Protein backbone atom coordinates (compact mmCIF):
# COMPACT_ATOMS: atom_id res chain seq x y z
CA MET A 1 -3.38 -11.90 -4.01
CA ARG A 2 -0.91 -9.61 -2.71
CA PHE A 3 1.26 -9.79 0.39
CA GLU A 4 2.24 -5.62 1.06
CA ALA A 5 -0.15 -5.07 3.98
CA TRP A 6 1.12 -8.39 6.41
CA ASP A 7 4.55 -7.35 4.77
CA THR A 8 4.36 -4.12 6.78
CA LEU A 9 2.68 -5.45 9.93
CA LEU A 10 5.44 -8.27 10.11
CA ASN A 11 7.98 -5.31 9.49
CA MET A 12 6.77 -3.77 12.65
CA VAL A 13 6.92 -7.02 14.64
CA LEU A 14 10.51 -7.24 13.69
CA LEU A 15 11.30 -3.50 14.64
CA LEU A 16 10.47 -4.54 17.92
CA PHE A 17 13.13 -7.15 18.40
CA TRP A 18 15.37 -4.45 16.63
CA TYR A 19 14.98 -1.73 18.58
CA GLY A 20 15.35 -3.97 21.77
CA PHE A 21 18.49 -5.27 19.86
CA TRP A 22 20.01 -1.58 20.05
CA VAL A 23 18.37 -0.38 22.69
CA LYS A 24 19.78 -1.24 26.20
CA GLN A 25 17.10 -2.02 28.75
CA ASP A 26 16.73 1.72 30.48
CA ARG A 27 13.89 1.61 33.32
CA THR A 28 13.35 5.72 32.30
CA LEU A 29 12.43 4.85 28.54
CA PHE A 30 9.33 3.09 30.40
CA PHE A 31 7.58 6.36 31.05
CA ASN A 32 8.22 7.22 27.52
CA PRO A 33 3.97 6.25 26.63
CA PHE A 34 5.52 5.06 23.27
CA LEU A 35 8.10 3.88 23.72
CA GLY A 36 7.30 2.28 26.58
CA PRO A 37 5.20 -0.42 25.21
CA MET A 38 8.04 -1.70 22.69
CA SER A 39 10.64 -1.82 25.64
CA ARG A 40 8.53 -4.10 27.81
CA ALA A 41 7.14 -6.46 24.89
CA SER A 42 10.81 -6.94 23.59
CA GLY A 43 11.55 -7.71 28.00
CA THR A 44 8.85 -9.81 28.23
CA VAL A 45 9.87 -12.16 25.46
CA VAL A 46 13.58 -12.59 26.52
CA GLY A 47 12.20 -12.95 30.03
CA PHE A 48 9.52 -15.67 28.74
CA LEU A 49 12.47 -17.51 26.76
CA LYS A 50 14.96 -17.64 29.53
CA LYS A 51 12.52 -19.03 31.85
CA ASN A 52 10.73 -21.27 29.60
CA VAL A 53 13.84 -22.56 27.14
CA LYS A 54 17.19 -22.28 30.13
CA PRO A 55 19.06 -24.52 27.99
CA LEU A 56 19.19 -22.75 25.29
CA PHE A 57 18.64 -19.18 25.94
CA ALA A 58 19.57 -18.56 29.89
CA PRO A 59 23.10 -18.33 29.78
CA LEU A 60 23.01 -15.67 26.64
CA PRO A 61 23.05 -12.11 27.16
CA ASP A 62 19.32 -10.57 26.63
CA ARG A 63 20.68 -8.44 23.13
CA VAL A 64 21.67 -12.26 21.64
CA VAL A 65 18.22 -13.74 22.83
CA LEU A 66 16.79 -10.67 20.77
CA LEU A 67 18.74 -11.20 17.59
CA ILE A 68 18.00 -14.57 17.80
CA VAL A 69 14.12 -13.95 18.26
CA PHE A 70 14.68 -11.33 15.10
CA ILE A 71 16.52 -13.37 12.53
CA THR A 72 14.16 -16.72 13.61
CA LEU A 73 10.95 -14.02 12.76
CA LEU A 74 13.07 -12.88 9.70
CA VAL A 75 12.96 -16.97 8.47
CA ILE A 76 9.34 -17.48 9.75
CA ARG A 77 7.84 -14.30 7.53
CA SER A 78 9.86 -15.51 3.95
CA PHE A 79 7.95 -19.15 4.41
CA LEU A 80 4.36 -17.11 5.64
CA VAL A 81 3.84 -15.86 1.65
CA PRO A 82 1.73 -18.61 -0.24
CA GLY A 83 3.60 -19.55 -3.39
CA ASN A 84 0.61 -17.60 -5.64
CA SER A 85 1.53 -14.59 -3.83
CA HIS A 86 2.29 -11.25 -5.15
CA TRP A 87 4.93 -9.95 -2.87
CA VAL A 88 6.04 -6.66 -4.41
CA LEU A 89 8.55 -3.96 -2.80
CA ASP A 90 8.46 -0.41 -3.80
CA PHE A 91 11.40 1.39 -3.17
CA GLY A 92 11.85 5.06 -5.26
CA PHE A 93 11.90 4.58 -8.93
CA TYR A 94 12.14 0.48 -8.71
CA SER A 95 9.63 -2.18 -8.16
CA CYS A 96 10.52 -6.02 -8.00
CA LEU A 97 8.06 -9.23 -7.45
CA ALA A 98 9.85 -11.64 -4.77
CA ASN A 99 11.21 -15.00 -6.47
CA LEU A 100 9.23 -17.41 -4.11
CA GLY A 101 10.30 -20.38 -5.70
CA SER A 102 13.58 -20.70 -3.96
CA THR A 103 13.84 -20.63 -0.19
CA PHE A 104 17.25 -18.49 -0.32
CA SER A 105 15.57 -15.86 -2.93
CA ARG A 106 12.38 -16.09 0.06
CA ILE A 107 14.49 -15.34 3.00
CA ALA A 108 16.77 -12.81 1.56
CA PHE A 109 13.64 -10.54 0.40
CA SER A 110 12.39 -10.82 3.64
CA MET A 111 15.45 -9.30 4.81
CA VAL A 112 16.03 -6.40 1.94
CA SER A 113 11.92 -5.65 2.89
CA PHE A 114 12.73 -5.22 6.01
CA CYS A 115 15.86 -3.34 4.98
CA VAL A 116 13.01 -0.62 3.28
CA PHE A 117 11.43 -0.13 6.08
CA LEU A 118 14.32 0.38 7.77
CA PHE A 119 15.48 2.85 5.39
CA LYS A 120 11.55 4.76 5.95
CA ILE A 121 12.05 5.18 9.50
CA TRP A 122 15.72 6.45 9.18
CA GLY A 123 14.04 8.91 6.75
CA ILE A 124 11.83 10.34 9.50
CA SER A 125 14.97 10.31 11.48
CA LEU A 126 16.39 12.85 9.16
CA ILE A 127 13.78 15.08 9.03
CA PHE A 128 13.07 15.38 12.83
CA VAL A 129 15.77 14.12 15.06
CA HIS A 130 18.98 16.61 14.48
CA GLY A 131 20.32 15.10 18.03
CA ALA A 132 20.10 13.45 21.01
CA PRO A 133 17.04 14.24 22.68
CA ARG A 134 17.49 16.76 25.58
CA ASN A 135 14.28 17.13 27.38
CA SER A 136 12.81 13.86 28.78
CA PHE A 137 9.27 15.09 28.06
CA ASP A 138 9.82 15.26 24.33
CA HIS A 139 8.19 12.05 24.20
CA CYS A 140 8.42 12.12 20.31
CA THR A 141 11.53 13.26 19.99
CA GLU A 142 12.97 10.12 21.98
CA THR A 143 10.57 7.78 20.31
CA ILE A 144 12.17 8.71 16.78
CA HIS A 145 15.57 8.92 18.41
CA TYR A 146 15.54 5.54 19.85
CA ALA A 147 13.23 3.70 17.45
CA SER A 148 16.25 4.52 14.34
CA LYS A 149 19.02 3.21 16.05
CA PRO A 150 21.36 2.48 15.34
CA PHE A 151 21.18 5.67 12.60
CA SER A 152 20.89 8.08 15.44
CA ASN A 153 23.81 7.62 17.16
CA LEU A 154 26.01 8.70 14.21
CA ARG A 155 27.00 12.64 14.01
CA PHE A 156 24.04 14.43 12.32
CA ASP A 157 26.42 15.25 9.26
CA TRP A 158 27.44 12.41 8.20
CA ARG A 159 23.48 10.92 8.46
CA PRO A 160 22.51 12.09 4.65
CA LEU A 161 25.54 10.13 3.32
CA VAL A 162 24.93 6.89 5.46
CA LEU A 163 21.35 7.03 3.92
CA ALA A 164 22.15 7.58 0.96
CA VAL A 165 24.75 4.74 0.90
CA PHE A 166 22.21 2.36 2.45
CA GLY A 167 19.59 3.66 0.33
CA MET A 168 21.76 2.38 -2.64
CA THR A 169 22.46 -0.91 -1.50
CA ILE A 170 18.58 -1.72 -0.77
CA ALA A 171 18.52 -0.99 -4.62
CA PHE A 172 21.16 -3.14 -5.78
CA LEU A 173 19.72 -5.83 -3.32
CA MET A 174 16.47 -5.46 -4.69
CA GLU A 175 18.18 -6.49 -8.38
CA GLN A 176 20.12 -8.92 -6.98
CA VAL A 177 17.36 -10.81 -4.81
CA GLY A 178 13.81 -9.90 -7.24
CA ARG A 179 12.18 -9.77 -10.55
CA SER A 180 12.58 -6.32 -12.11
CA ILE A 181 9.28 -4.69 -12.89
CA THR A 182 10.11 -1.61 -13.61
CA GLU A 183 13.54 -2.29 -15.57
CA GLN A 184 13.96 -3.95 -18.86
CA GLY A 185 16.98 -6.39 -17.89
CA GLY A 186 17.59 -4.21 -14.33
CA LEU A 187 19.34 -1.31 -13.34
CA PHE A 188 23.15 -2.22 -14.57
CA ALA A 189 21.71 -3.95 -17.85
CA ASP A 190 24.33 -3.08 -20.55
CA ARG A 191 25.10 0.29 -18.95
CA PRO A 192 28.57 1.65 -17.89
CA PRO A 193 29.04 0.89 -13.92
CA LEU A 194 29.23 4.48 -13.11
CA VAL A 195 25.60 5.40 -14.79
CA SER A 196 23.75 2.67 -12.79
CA ILE A 197 25.35 3.28 -9.64
CA ALA A 198 24.49 7.11 -10.13
CA ARG A 199 20.79 5.67 -11.25
CA TYR A 200 21.37 3.81 -7.49
CA PHE A 201 21.65 7.35 -6.18
CA ILE A 202 19.04 8.36 -7.65
CA ILE A 203 16.36 6.00 -6.49
CA ALA A 204 17.87 6.18 -2.75
CA LEU A 205 16.63 9.90 -3.07
CA ALA A 206 13.37 9.13 -4.29
CA GLY A 207 13.16 6.50 -1.98
CA TRP A 208 13.89 9.13 0.89
CA ALA A 209 11.36 11.61 -1.28
CA ASN A 210 8.86 9.21 -0.51
CA VAL A 211 8.98 9.34 3.16
CA LEU A 212 7.06 12.82 2.62
CA ILE A 213 4.10 10.42 1.02
CA LEU A 214 3.85 8.43 4.78
CA LEU A 215 3.99 11.24 6.62
CA ARG A 216 1.37 12.76 5.15
CA THR A 217 -0.59 9.35 4.99
CA VAL A 218 0.09 9.41 8.98
CA LEU A 219 -1.09 12.85 9.46
CA PHE A 220 -4.27 12.28 7.90
CA LEU A 221 -4.83 9.34 10.07
CA LEU A 222 -3.68 11.15 12.71
CA ILE A 223 -6.83 14.26 11.89
CA ILE A 224 -9.16 10.83 11.76
CA GLY A 225 -8.10 9.79 15.07
CA SER A 226 -8.78 13.38 16.67
CA TRP A 227 -12.31 13.63 15.42
CA VAL A 228 -13.38 9.98 16.49
CA SER A 229 -11.74 11.18 20.24
CA MET A 230 -13.84 13.76 20.08
CA PHE A 231 -17.04 12.03 18.89
CA THR A 232 -15.91 9.12 21.40
CA SER A 233 -14.51 10.87 24.18
CA SER A 234 -11.33 8.80 24.31
CA GLN A 235 -8.72 11.31 26.28
CA PRO A 236 -5.85 8.72 25.00
CA LEU A 237 -6.61 8.66 21.97
CA MET A 238 -6.68 12.54 21.67
CA HIS A 239 -3.70 12.70 23.83
CA PHE A 240 -2.37 10.37 21.03
CA CYS A 241 -3.21 11.75 17.90
CA ARG A 242 -2.89 16.03 19.36
CA THR A 243 1.12 14.92 20.68
CA TRP A 244 1.47 13.81 16.98
CA LEU A 245 -0.01 16.21 15.23
CA ASP A 246 1.76 18.59 17.26
CA PHE A 247 5.39 16.74 16.44
CA LEU A 248 5.14 16.57 12.77
CA LEU A 249 3.42 20.01 12.38
CA GLY A 250 6.12 21.96 13.75
CA PRO A 251 6.50 25.69 13.61
CA LEU A 252 3.42 25.79 11.82
CA ARG A 253 1.56 24.92 14.75
CA ARG A 254 2.42 28.31 16.23
CA TYR A 255 0.49 29.85 14.01
CA PRO A 256 -2.64 27.83 13.24
CA LEU A 257 -5.14 28.74 10.58
CA ARG A 258 -8.64 28.07 11.95
CA VAL A 259 -12.05 28.46 10.64
CA GLY A 260 -14.46 28.41 13.65
CA MET A 261 -13.33 25.59 16.01
CA ILE A 262 -11.80 23.93 12.99
CA ASP A 263 -7.51 23.97 12.83
CA LEU A 264 -6.63 23.62 9.45
CA THR A 265 -3.03 24.06 9.50
CA PRO A 266 -3.08 19.82 9.76
CA LEU A 267 -4.84 19.75 6.16
CA ILE A 268 -2.33 22.58 4.56
CA MET A 269 0.83 20.33 5.59
CA ILE A 270 -1.04 17.69 3.69
CA PHE A 271 -1.33 19.16 0.51
CA ALA A 272 2.30 20.92 1.24
CA LEU A 273 3.60 17.43 1.23
CA GLY A 274 1.92 15.97 -1.43
CA TYR A 275 3.19 19.62 -3.74
CA LEU A 276 6.98 18.98 -2.17
CA HIS A 277 6.63 15.12 -2.98
CA HIS A 278 5.49 16.03 -6.31
CA LEU A 279 7.98 18.84 -7.25
CA ILE A 280 11.14 16.14 -5.77
CA MET A 281 10.07 13.41 -7.59
CA TRP A 282 9.88 15.76 -11.20
CA ILE A 283 13.15 16.46 -10.78
CA LEU A 284 14.58 13.47 -9.81
CA GLU A 285 12.09 11.44 -12.69
CA GLY A 286 14.11 14.14 -15.33
CA SER A 287 17.49 12.76 -13.93
CA TYR A 288 17.19 9.48 -13.97
CA LEU A 289 15.26 8.70 -17.24
CA LYS A 290 18.67 10.94 -19.01
CA LEU A 291 20.31 7.82 -17.64
CA VAL A 292 18.45 5.33 -19.45
């Protein structure tokens, strides 16, 4: 039994409270159709706890309450995994299996799983968000900017380095709290420290390159969603899909390639992302194997 699908869903729930901790309750965000539900949901949870668990939560600031909820869910998630499950984390060229026999290992693996999820969001932010959103009508940029806090608070020229260090830390933590699937003896094994650090760095780069696969999957789902919206006449779904497609396609949207009524630009982008990912991973894998 594998746990990856549920793991992703629970990471999305955890992101709700992580977002609430870093983002102040700003009424202007409620006008963003993507951030508004997140802000209202986190605010509702805080209001419920302060009203119904007064002795514990009423005196605390909202951010502290959200942090407590986040940590609590992180711990609960670690015990939801059945003992016979295969809880696997993939990051770059490294894969590891959770050690479910120890309470500490379960909780630590739960934390690392969220870190991998957060790395992907920060990786998307590095591609699409180069500064604070200036146009309040650009809801997509605004959404990624706020969802990737505190990473998006940094100066843009510092972000690649911070993301690389974060990725190297994730690779190190995965080695400490899980059982390696891809590396016999682990990343360090009997290798010199500098070689192991170089391998961590390449794994971090490969982890960021895998964001291209995530973007390709999102584009594919948006295309399917746009087709469904046409057949069902669902205006909200159509608006959602078109808004995000326009954003993710960027400059390509200005030069659409159409065959009749069919816009092939998203499909071309999907193939281009797949080819680019293959090329980057081929280069990185060659460097990685040289350090074995």
